[in-house]
Protein backbone atom coordinates (compact mmCIF):
# COMPACT_ATOMS: atom_id res chain seq x y z
CA UNK A 1 102.88 90.45 185.88
CA UNK A 2 101.26 93.55 185.51
CA UNK A 3 103.25 96.48 183.39
CA UNK A 4 102.13 100.04 185.81
CA UNK A 5 103.85 102.74 183.30
CA UNK A 6 107.12 101.42 183.06
CA UNK A 7 107.47 99.80 185.80
CA UNK A 8 106.92 95.79 185.47
CA UNK A 9 105.14 94.31 188.86
CA UNK A 10 104.31 90.42 190.26
CA UNK A 11 100.85 90.47 190.97
CA UNK A 12 102.33 89.04 194.62
CA UNK A 13 103.15 92.86 195.06
CA UNK A 14 100.60 94.61 194.04
CA UNK A 15 99.16 94.49 197.79
CA UNK A 16 102.37 96.31 198.80
CA UNK A 17 101.40 99.31 196.38
CA UNK A 18 97.93 99.72 197.70
CA UNK A 19 98.76 102.28 200.75
CA UNK A 20 97.20 105.35 202.09
CA UNK A 21 99.29 107.22 199.64
CA UNK A 22 97.59 105.02 196.76
CA UNK A 23 94.49 105.50 197.96
CA UNK A 24 94.52 109.19 198.09
CA UNK A 25 95.61 109.52 194.78
CA UNK A 26 93.04 106.61 193.55
CA UNK A 27 90.50 109.51 195.24
CA UNK A 28 91.96 112.81 193.52
CA UNK A 29 91.15 110.32 190.12
CA UNK A 30 87.60 109.82 191.22
CA UNK A 31 86.43 112.91 191.56
CA UNK A 32 88.18 114.13 188.40
CA UNK A 33 86.29 111.99 187.26
CA UNK A 34 83.11 112.37 188.37
CA UNK A 35 83.17 116.52 188.78
CA UNK A 36 86.56 117.59 186.81
CA UNK A 37 89.28 119.49 187.65
CA UNK A 38 89.36 120.62 191.22
CA UNK A 39 89.42 124.28 191.03
CA UNK A 40 87.45 124.59 188.13
CA UNK A 41 89.37 127.25 186.42
CA UNK A 42 91.88 124.49 183.72
CA UNK A 43 95.00 122.06 184.11
CA UNK A 44 97.18 125.57 184.61
CA UNK A 45 96.13 126.67 188.02
CA UNK A 46 96.15 123.01 189.28
CA UNK A 47 98.96 121.98 191.20
CA UNK A 48 101.46 119.81 189.45
CA UNK A 49 100.95 117.00 191.44
CA UNK A 50 97.03 116.59 191.12
CA UNK A 51 98.24 116.93 187.79
CA UNK A 52 101.00 114.16 187.06
CA UNK A 53 98.71 111.82 189.75
CA UNK A 54 95.59 112.70 186.67
CA UNK A 55 97.82 111.69 184.02
CA UNK A 56 98.72 108.18 185.52
CA UNK A 57 95.43 107.16 186.03
CA UNK A 58 94.08 108.51 182.26
CA UNK A 59 97.10 106.20 181.06
CA UNK A 60 96.72 103.28 182.49
CA UNK A 61 92.97 103.65 182.45
CA UNK A 62 93.56 103.77 178.78
CA UNK A 63 96.00 101.10 177.95
CA UNK A 64 93.55 98.44 180.01
CA UNK A 65 90.87 99.99 177.36
CA UNK A 66 92.83 99.62 174.31
CA UNK A 67 93.49 95.35 175.51
CA UNK A 68 89.80 95.11 175.72
CA UNK A 69 89.19 96.03 172.27
CA UNK A 70 92.39 93.93 170.88
CA UNK A 71 91.40 91.08 172.92
CA UNK A 72 88.18 91.36 171.82
CA UNK A 73 89.57 91.05 168.18
CA UNK A 74 91.27 88.23 169.01
CA UNK A 75 94.40 89.59 169.10
CA UNK A 76 97.68 92.59 169.54
CA UNK A 77 97.31 92.17 165.86
CA UNK A 78 93.60 92.75 165.54
CA UNK A 79 93.50 90.05 163.83
CA UNK A 80 91.80 86.87 164.62
CA UNK A 81 94.47 84.20 164.50
CA UNK A 82 92.52 81.43 165.35
CA UNK A 83 90.44 81.14 162.04
């Protein structure tokens, strides 16, 4: 089971989410990460949908990074419970 925002998705269902709309959104986020905001004049000048896409993918990226840090530290509480 994977948690995407507030939605739990079974791993077997993930392929159903990888449609053309997803890849378009992913490309917007990828270009944002590489080049910045599309219009280059601040977030207020971007379409709301663009900001929502960036926000969604950034939230997922941050959650993934936090989980990696927790796992490197030995658990969700930051303590190695195996010692």
